[in-house]
Amino acid sequence: MRAARYYGPGEMRVEDVPEPVVKEGQVKIKPLTYSDSPVCGSDVHSYFSLTPVSPTATMPHPVTKETLPITLGHEFSGTICELGPATDSSKLAIGQHVVVEPVISCMKPTCGPCSAGSRNICPNATFIGVGGGGGGLAEYITVQEDYVHVLPPTISLEVGAMMEPLSVAWHAVKRSTFVSGDTALIIGAGPIGLLILTVLRAHGASWIGISEPALSRRETALRLAATAVYDPRAVDVAAGTFRATSGGAAVVFDCAGTQASLDTALAAARPRGNVVEVAVWDKPPVLDITALQSKEVLLTASQACDREHPELIKAVADGRITGLEELITKRIDLGDFVEQGIKALIEDKDRQIKILVHP
């Protein structure tokens, strides 16, 4: 079968690999032909450097036991084409449209987070399609049934392919102090920032500001019902937020991961407000403790997702979260994954948000 394979920084290839064989307790899914796999920002990070949750060519990942190369793709929906022995056929059936929750961890009884049910913060946590375990950028993938969630008929496979990044946004809002009626500022209108916007809107935010330098992404934020948008190159975002909210945002989500975005987040938060770090940082920031302490701001971190797929799928099916199609800016063939997917997000990042990969 065809698959997008990762050999290391700068080395991603679409090539033929053996088709996986379904094992006990597994589901075989066809992510292509009937569905899509988005190109993710983390795939772009991997193009430039190894991520901490990836194996190397010589060092296996501690959970998957795989070394490079691996098959890419952790954001995908698909159609069940085969059930392995002992799979629960009362819940899963051939022909169902499904989405996969890709977080995998050690699940050892000696691991505190895994024992507590928080596998997303296991010290060795990784993702299907990042640390091994197959990937959605292939014609077939086999996955343990526990990671598979059925999509209701009202959710298309294209929208289903957005469930993984939506789960990151959903988790970030849950980790925050946000309650209905609060004001919120989102710094960075990439896919996760825009998805946080849709989640906040569904949860009853009274005001949602967006700070984003790219005009096209600010325009998308307005179409998704942002209250106000700011170009941080042209205006003082913290001052604008203070004026609009009469004292600062209740919650600020930093989805940019730069020193400037963190400083702005601390400045824009109201006294005793909450700053949530959602972005993946390339290097550690300098934290202004005085800015944090002077307003008694609560600084929170959010990491991936933690078993939220059932509740967010229901929210989408019920119509509480809408506009996800707005984020799909391009559709490409698997063979064009590197040139029109990865490189498009590098060279045209201001206009591209989510690129879906078709067969």
Foldseek 3Di string as FASTA:
>chain_A
DWFWKDQFAQDIATDDDDADDAAAQKWKWFQFPQAWFWDDPVVLVRNHGADPLAAAQPGAQPAVRDYDTATATQQTKGFTQDDHHPHPVVADDGGFIKTFQFKDANCDCVFPCSVVQNRLPGVRIDGDRRHHQHHSRDRMHMDRPVGIDTFPPLAGRHNSSCLQLLQLLVQLVVQFPDAAAFEEEEEEQFQNSLSVLLVNQLRHYPAYEYEDQQPQSQVLSVVSPHRYYHDVVPDLVLVVLCVVVVAAGQEYEYAPADQVSQVSRLSRHGQQHEYEYSYDHPDDYDDDVCSCVVRVYHYHYGGRHRPCSVVVSVCVSVVSGDDSVSQADEEEESNCCVPCNSVCCVPVVSNHHIYIYHD
